[in-house]
């Protein structure tokens, strides 16, 4: 369940390393791109349609990709 806000946090002791997040459609189209100097980020995803997306979060040498299933 989602209230329209996607919360992402990275447990990284070095807060000098920026956190960047990208959200892509299943067709590979970049829909959202955001960056912060904090260890967490909140993205408004209310404008996205119901469907599957993938989210890539990067901080320094760390990178993770997660699937996002959005149902409205």
PDB file of N, CA and C in Angstrom:
ATOM      1  N   UNK A   1       0.841  -1.213   0.000  1.00  0.00           N
ATOM      2  CA  UNK A   1       0.000   0.000   0.000  1.00  0.00           C
ATOM      3  C   UNK A   1       0.866   1.249   0.000  1.00  0.00           C
ATOM      4  N   UNK A   2       0.363   2.260  -0.655  1.00  0.00           N
ATOM      5  CA  UNK A   2       1.134   3.483  -0.824  1.00  0.00           C
ATOM      6  C   UNK A   2       0.203   4.671  -0.724  1.00  0.00           C
ATOM      7  N   UNK A   3       0.688   5.729  -0.094  1.00  0.00           N
ATOM      8  CA  UNK A   3      -0.099   6.950   0.038  1.00  0.00           C
ATOM      9  C   UNK A   3       0.291   7.990  -1.003  1.00  0.00           C
ATOM     10  N   UNK A   4       1.007   7.571  -2.046  1.00  0.00           N
ATOM     11  CA  UNK A   4       1.436   8.488  -3.094  1.00  0.00           C
ATOM     12  C   UNK A   4       2.832   9.035  -2.905  1.00  0.00           C
ATOM     13  N   UNK A   5       3.474   8.643  -1.815  1.00  0.00           N
ATOM     14  CA  UNK A   5       4.838   9.079  -1.536  1.00  0.00           C
ATOM     15  C   UNK A   5       5.723   7.836  -1.426  1.00  0.00           C
ATOM     16  N   UNK A   6       6.812   7.831  -2.171  1.00  0.00           N
ATOM     17  CA  UNK A   6       7.785   6.747  -2.129  1.00  0.00           C
ATOM     18  C   UNK A   6       8.951   7.196  -1.261  1.00  0.00           C
ATOM     19  N   UNK A   7       9.211   6.465  -0.173  1.00  0.00           N
ATOM     20  CA  UNK A   7      10.295   6.798   0.747  1.00  0.00           C
ATOM     21  C   UNK A   7      11.469   5.858   0.485  1.00  0.00           C
ATOM     22  N   UNK A   8      12.634   6.435   0.302  1.00  0.00           N
ATOM     23  CA  UNK A   8      13.846   5.659   0.055  1.00  0.00           C
ATOM     24  C   UNK A   8      14.905   6.129   1.037  1.00  0.00           C
ATOM     25  N   UNK A   9      15.545   5.171   1.710  1.00  0.00           N
ATOM     26  CA  UNK A   9      16.643   5.545   2.597  1.00  0.00           C
ATOM     27  C   UNK A   9      17.779   4.544   2.440  1.00  0.00           C
ATOM     28  N   UNK A  10      18.983   5.057   2.577  1.00  0.00           N
ATOM     29  CA  UNK A  10      20.195   4.257   2.476  1.00  0.00           C
ATOM     30  C   UNK A  10      20.910   4.374   3.807  1.00  0.00           C
ATOM     31  N   UNK A  11      21.269   3.255   4.365  1.00  0.00           N
ATOM     32  CA  UNK A  11      21.992   3.255   5.635  1.00  0.00           C
ATOM     33  C   UNK A  11      23.484   3.360   5.328  1.00  0.00           C
ATOM     34  N   UNK A  12      23.925   4.603   5.231  1.00  0.00           N
ATOM     35  CA  UNK A  12      25.299   4.897   4.848  1.00  0.00           C
ATOM     36  C   UNK A  12      25.863   5.863   5.885  1.00  0.00           C
ATOM     37  N   UNK A  13      26.949   5.505   6.510  1.00  0.00           N
ATOM     38  CA  UNK A  13      27.539   6.355   7.550  1.00  0.00           C
ATOM     39  C   UNK A  13      28.095   7.652   6.986  1.00  0.00           C
ATOM     40  N   UNK A  14      28.440   7.679   5.707  1.00  0.00           N
ATOM     41  CA  UNK A  14      29.032   8.863   5.096  1.00  0.00           C
ATOM     42  C   UNK A  14      27.943   9.687   4.413  1.00  0.00           C
ATOM     43  N   UNK A  15      27.478  10.735   5.082  1.00  0.00           N
ATOM     44  CA  UNK A  15      26.416  11.572   4.522  1.00  0.00           C
ATOM     45  C   UNK A  15      26.953  12.570   3.500  1.00  0.00           C
ATOM     46  N   UNK A  16      28.268  12.586   3.278  1.00  0.00           N
ATOM     47  CA  UNK A  16      28.831  13.463   2.256  1.00  0.00           C
ATOM     48  C   UNK A  16      28.614  12.902   0.853  1.00  0.00           C
ATOM     49  N   UNK A  17      28.225  11.640   0.772  1.00  0.00           N
ATOM     50  CA  UNK A  17      27.999  11.000  -0.523  1.00  0.00           C
ATOM     51  C   UNK A  17      26.533  11.190  -0.896  1.00  0.00           C
ATOM     52  N   UNK A  18      26.246  11.799  -2.036  1.00  0.00           N
ATOM     53  CA  UNK A  18      24.851  12.044  -2.415  1.00  0.00           C
ATOM     54  C   UNK A  18      24.101  10.747  -2.711  1.00  0.00           C
ATOM     55  N   UNK A  19      22.799  10.793  -2.496  1.00  0.00           N
ATOM     56  CA  UNK A  19      21.891   9.707  -2.836  1.00  0.00           C
ATOM     57  C   UNK A  19      21.154  10.125  -4.098  1.00  0.00           C
ATOM     58  N   UNK A  20      21.222   9.299  -5.141  1.00  0.00           N
ATOM     59  CA  UNK A  20      20.468   9.594  -6.357  1.00  0.00           C
ATOM     60  C   UNK A  20      19.479   8.463  -6.604  1.00  0.00           C
ATOM     61  N   UNK A  21      18.291   8.837  -7.066  1.00  0.00           N
ATOM     62  CA  UNK A  21      17.216   7.883  -7.298  1.00  0.00           C
ATOM     63  C   UNK A  21      16.624   8.151  -8.674  1.00  0.00           C
ATOM     64  N   UNK A  22      16.402   7.068  -9.419  1.00  0.00           N
ATOM     65  CA  UNK A  22      15.748   7.158 -10.724  1.00  0.00           C
ATOM     66  C   UNK A  22      14.612   6.148 -10.763  1.00  0.00           C
ATOM     67  N   UNK A  23      13.492   6.557 -11.334  1.00  0.00           N
ATOM     68  CA  UNK A  23      12.347   5.666 -11.523  1.00  0.00           C
ATOM     69  C   UNK A  23      12.120   5.529 -13.015  1.00  0.00           C
ATOM     70  N   UNK A  24      12.031   4.281 -13.476  1.00  0.00           N
ATOM     71  CA  UNK A  24      11.863   3.975 -14.894  1.00  0.00           C
ATOM     72  C   UNK A  24      10.583   3.183 -15.121  1.00  0.00           C
ATOM     73  N   UNK A  25       9.974   3.398 -16.278  1.00  0.00           N
ATOM     74  CA  UNK A  25       8.865   2.547 -16.699  1.00  0.00           C
ATOM     75  C   UNK A  25       9.438   1.212 -17.137  1.00  0.00           C
ATOM     76  N   UNK A  26       8.591   0.229 -17.350  1.00  0.00           N
ATOM     77  CA  UNK A  26       9.058  -1.085 -17.810  1.00  0.00           C
ATOM     78  C   UNK A  26       9.599  -1.006 -19.237  1.00  0.00           C
ATOM     79  N   UNK A  27       9.286   0.063 -19.966  1.00  0.00           N
ATOM     80  CA  UNK A  27       9.814   0.260 -21.316  1.00  0.00           C
ATOM     81  C   UNK A  27      11.165   0.962 -21.295  1.00  0.00           C
ATOM     82  N   UNK A  28      11.669   1.295 -20.099  1.00  0.00           N
ATOM     83  CA  UNK A  28      12.984   1.915 -19.974  1.00  0.00           C
ATOM     84  C   UNK A  28      12.974   3.429 -20.001  1.00  0.00           C
ATOM     85  N   UNK A  29      11.793   4.038 -19.994  1.00  0.00           N
ATOM     86  CA  UNK A  29      11.692   5.496 -19.994  1.00  0.00           C
ATOM     87  C   UNK A  29      11.916   6.031 -18.583  1.00  0.00           C
ATOM     88  N   UNK A  30      12.879   6.960 -18.429  1.00  0.00           N
ATOM     89  CA  UNK A  30      13.126   7.568 -17.131  1.00  0.00           C
ATOM     90  C   UNK A  30      11.992   8.530 -16.819  1.00  0.00           C
ATOM     91  N   UNK A  31      11.330   8.307 -15.706  1.00  0.00           N
ATOM     92  CA  UNK A  31      10.162   9.097 -15.335  1.00  0.00           C
ATOM     93  C   UNK A  31      10.491  10.109 -14.244  1.00  0.00           C
ATOM     94  N   UNK A  32      11.314   9.689 -13.296  1.00  0.00           N
ATOM     95  CA  UNK A  32      11.689  10.556 -12.177  1.00  0.00           C
ATOM     96  C   UNK A  32      13.189  10.437 -11.964  1.00  0.00           C
ATOM     97  N   UNK A  33      13.811  11.568 -11.681  1.00  0.00           N
ATOM     98  CA  UNK A  33      15.222  11.594 -11.309  1.00  0.00           C
ATOM     99  C   UNK A  33      15.374  12.600 -10.179  1.00  0.00           C
ATOM    100  N   UNK A  34      15.994  12.171  -9.085  1.00  0.00           N
ATOM    101  CA  UNK A  34      16.163  13.064  -7.934  1.00  0.00           C
ATOM    102  C   UNK A  34      17.490  12.762  -7.249  1.00  0.00           C
ATOM    103  N   UNK A  35      18.009  13.777  -6.561  1.00  0.00           N
ATOM    104  CA  UNK A  35      19.272  13.622  -5.844  1.00  0.00           C
ATOM    105  C   UNK A  35      19.204  14.453  -4.574  1.00  0.00           C
ATOM    106  N   UNK A  36      19.857  13.962  -3.527  1.00  0.00           N
ATOM    107  CA  UNK A  36      19.918  14.673  -2.260  1.00  0.00           C
ATOM    108  C   UNK A  36      21.241  14.388  -1.573  1.00  0.00           C
ATOM    109  N   UNK A  37      21.646  15.258  -0.678  1.00  0.00           N
ATOM    110  CA  UNK A  37      22.838  15.037   0.147  1.00  0.00           C
ATOM    111  C   UNK A  37      22.475  14.284   1.428  1.00  0.00           C
ATOM    112  N   UNK A  38      21.190  14.034   1.642  1.00  0.00           N
ATOM    113  CA  UNK A  38      20.718  13.316   2.821  1.00  0.00           C
ATOM    114  C   UNK A  38      20.803  11.813   2.587  1.00  0.00           C
ATOM    115  N   UNK A  39      20.557  11.025   3.626  1.00  0.00           N
ATOM    116  CA  UNK A  39      20.568   9.568   3.496  1.00  0.00           C
ATOM    117  C   UNK A  39      19.185   9.018   3.154  1.00  0.00           C
ATOM    118  N   UNK A  40      18.190   9.911   3.023  1.00  0.00           N
ATOM    119  CA  UNK A  40      16.854   9.471   2.641  1.00  0.00           C
ATOM    120  C   UNK A  40      16.211  10.502   1.726  1.00  0.00           C
ATOM    121  N   UNK A  41      15.199  10.019   1.011  1.00  0.00           N
ATOM    122  CA  UNK A  41      14.538  10.853   0.004  1.00  0.00           C
ATOM    123  C   UNK A  41      13.086  10.416  -0.099  1.00  0.00           C
ATOM    124  N   UNK A  42      12.176  11.357  -0.238  1.00  0.00           N
ATOM    125  CA  UNK A  42      10.766  11.060  -0.445  1.00  0.00           C
ATOM    126  C   UNK A  42      10.355  11.621  -1.802  1.00  0.00           C
ATOM    127  N   UNK A  43       9.721  10.773  -2.607  1.00  0.00           N
ATOM    128  CA  UNK A  43       9.292  11.172  -3.949  1.00  0.00           C
ATOM    129  C   UNK A  43       7.777  11.108  -4.062  1.00  0.00           C
ATOM    130  N   UNK A  44       7.186  12.131  -4.632  1.00  0.00           N
ATOM    131  CA  UNK A  44       5.755  12.137  -4.909  1.00  0.00           C
ATOM    132  C   UNK A  44       5.522  11.328  -6.182  1.00  0.00           C
ATOM    133  N   UNK A  45       4.796  10.224  -6.067  1.00  0.00           N
ATOM    134  CA  UNK A  45       4.523   9.378  -7.232  1.00  0.00           C
ATOM    135  C   UNK A  45       3.031   9.361  -7.572  1.00  0.00           C
ATOM    136  N   UNK A  46       2.285  10.354  -7.083  1.00  0.00           N
ATOM    137  CA  UNK A  46       0.845  10.435  -7.359  1.00  0.00           C
ATOM    138  C   UNK A  46       0.538  10.525  -8.843  1.00  0.00           C
ATOM    139  N   UNK A  47       1.429  11.113  -9.618  1.00  0.00           N
ATOM    140  CA  UNK A  47       1.172  11.309 -11.044  1.00  0.00           C
ATOM    141  C   UNK A  47       1.400  10.046 -11.875  1.00  0.00           C
ATOM    142  N   UNK A  48       1.994   9.005 -11.278  1.00  0.00           N
ATOM    143  CA  UNK A  48       2.249   7.770 -12.016  1.00  0.00           C
ATOM    144  C   UNK A  48       0.973   6.949 -12.158  1.00  0.00           C
ATOM    145  N   UNK A  49       0.848   6.268 -13.268  1.00  0.00           N
ATOM    146  CA  UNK A  49      -0.293   5.398 -13.520  1.00  0.00           C
ATOM    147  C   UNK A  49      -0.079   4.048 -12.846  1.00  0.00           C
ATOM    148  N   UNK A  50      -1.163   3.318 -12.661  1.00  0.00           N
ATOM    149  CA  UNK A  50      -1.063   1.948 -12.170  1.00  0.00           C
ATOM    150  C   UNK A  50      -0.154   1.161 -13.097  1.00  0.00           C
ATOM    151  N   UNK A  51       0.761   0.395 -12.522  1.00  0.00           N
ATOM    152  CA  UNK A  51       1.661  -0.398 -13.344  1.00  0.00           C
ATOM    153  C   UNK A  51       2.909  -0.789 -12.593  1.00  0.00           C
ATOM    154  N   UNK A  52       3.843  -1.359 -13.320  1.00  0.00           N
ATOM    155  CA  UNK A  52       5.126  -1.805 -12.776  1.00  0.00           C
ATOM    156  C   UNK A  52       6.215  -0.802 -13.171  1.00  0.00           C
ATOM    157  N   UNK A  53       7.093  -0.519 -12.237  1.00  0.00           N
ATOM    158  CA  UNK A  53       8.202   0.399 -12.450  1.00  0.00           C
ATOM    159  C   UNK A  53       9.433  -0.206 -11.797  1.00  0.00           C
ATOM    160  N   UNK A  54      10.592   0.284 -12.153  1.00  0.00           N
ATOM    161  CA  UNK A  54      11.764  -0.093 -11.398  1.00  0.00           C
ATOM    162  C   UNK A  54      12.481   1.151 -10.922  1.00  0.00           C
ATOM    163  N   UNK A  55      13.041   1.017  -9.717  1.00  0.00           N
ATOM    164  CA  UNK A  55      13.666   2.129  -9.013  1.00  0.00           C
ATOM    165  C   UNK A  55      15.136   1.776  -8.801  1.00  0.00           C
ATOM    166  N   UNK A  56      16.008   2.698  -9.178  1.00  0.00           N
ATOM    167  CA  UNK A  56      17.440   2.518  -8.960  1.00  0.00           C
ATOM    168  C   UNK A  56      17.898   3.590  -7.976  1.00  0.00           C
ATOM    169  N   UNK A  57      18.511   3.142  -6.892  1.00  0.00           N
ATOM    170  CA  UNK A  57      19.068   4.060  -5.891  1.00  0.00           C
ATOM    171  C   UNK A  57      20.578   3.861  -5.867  1.00  0.00           C
ATOM    172  N   UNK A  58      21.315   4.978  -5.879  1.00  0.00           N
ATOM    173  CA  UNK A  58      22.776   4.924  -5.875  1.00  0.00           C
ATOM    174  C   UNK A  58      23.324   5.874  -4.814  1.00  0.00           C
ATOM    175  N   UNK A  59      24.341   5.404  -4.119  1.00  0.00           N
ATOM    176  CA  UNK A  59      25.047   6.234  -3.146  1.00  0.00           C
ATOM    177  C   UNK A  59      26.487   5.753  -3.109  1.00  0.00           C
ATOM    178  N   UNK A  60      27.388   6.538  -3.652  1.00  0.00           N
ATOM    179  CA  UNK A  60      28.790   6.130  -3.717  1.00  0.00           C
ATOM    180  C   UNK A  60      28.940   4.887  -4.576  1.00  0.00           C
ATOM    181  N   UNK A  61      29.593   3.864  -4.044  1.00  0.00           N
ATOM    182  CA  UNK A  61      29.785   2.608  -4.770  1.00  0.00           C
ATOM    183  C   UNK A  61      28.596   1.668  -4.636  1.00  0.00           C
ATOM    184  N   UNK A  62      27.587   2.051  -3.862  1.00  0.00           N
ATOM    185  CA  UNK A  62      26.427   1.206  -3.614  1.00  0.00           C
ATOM    186  C   UNK A  62      25.331   1.520  -4.631  1.00  0.00           C
ATOM    187  N   UNK A  63      24.717   0.472  -5.154  1.00  0.00           N
ATOM    188  CA  UNK A  63      23.612   0.636  -6.097  1.00  0.00           C
ATOM    189  C   UNK A  63      22.645  -0.520  -5.896  1.00  0.00           C
ATOM    190  N   UNK A  64      21.358  -0.219  -5.920  1.00  0.00           N
ATOM    191  CA  UNK A  64      20.339  -1.263  -5.820  1.00  0.00           C
ATOM    192  C   UNK A  64      19.188  -0.952  -6.769  1.00  0.00           C
ATOM    193  N   UNK A  65      18.597  -1.999  -7.301  1.00  0.00           N
ATOM    194  CA  UNK A  65      17.438  -1.870  -8.169  1.00  0.00           C
ATOM    195  C   UNK A  65      16.285  -2.659  -7.562  1.00  0.00           C
ATOM    196  N   UNK A  66      15.130  -2.019  -7.458  1.00  0.00           N
ATOM    197  CA  UNK A  66      13.953  -2.670  -6.896  1.00  0.00           C
ATOM    198  C   UNK A  66      12.761  -2.450  -7.817  1.00  0.00           C
ATOM    199  N   UNK A  67      11.888  -3.434  -7.860  1.00  0.00           N
ATOM    200  CA  UNK A  67      10.658  -3.303  -8.635  1.00  0.00           C
ATOM    201  C   UNK A  67       9.625  -2.589  -7.772  1.00  0.00           C
ATOM    202  N   UNK A  68       8.791  -1.800  -8.409  1.00  0.00           N
ATOM    203  CA  UNK A  68       7.714  -1.074  -7.743  1.00  0.00           C
ATOM    204  C   UNK A  68       6.416  -1.412  -8.447  1.00  0.00           C
ATOM    205  N   UNK A  69       5.478  -1.992  -7.738  1.00  0.00           N
ATOM    206  CA  UNK A  69       4.154  -2.273  -8.287  1.00  0.00           C
ATOM    207  C   UNK A  69       3.211  -1.227  -7.735  1.00  0.00           C
ATOM    208  N   UNK A  70       2.661  -0.399  -8.601  1.00  0.00           N
ATOM    209  CA  UNK A  70       1.791   0.688  -8.173  1.00  0.00           C
ATOM    210  C   UNK A  70       0.359   0.372  -8.581  1.00  0.00           C
ATOM    211  N   UNK A  71      -0.521   0.311  -7.588  1.00  0.00           N
ATOM    212  CA  UNK A  71      -1.942   0.048  -7.818  1.00  0.00           C
ATOM    213  C   UNK A  71      -2.717   1.213  -7.225  1.00  0.00           C
ATOM    214  N   UNK A  72      -3.590   1.804  -8.032  1.00  0.00           N
ATOM    215  CA  UNK A  72      -4.405   2.919  -7.551  1.00  0.00           C
ATOM    216  C   UNK A  72      -5.845   2.512  -7.456  1.00  0.00           C
TER     217      UNK A  72
END
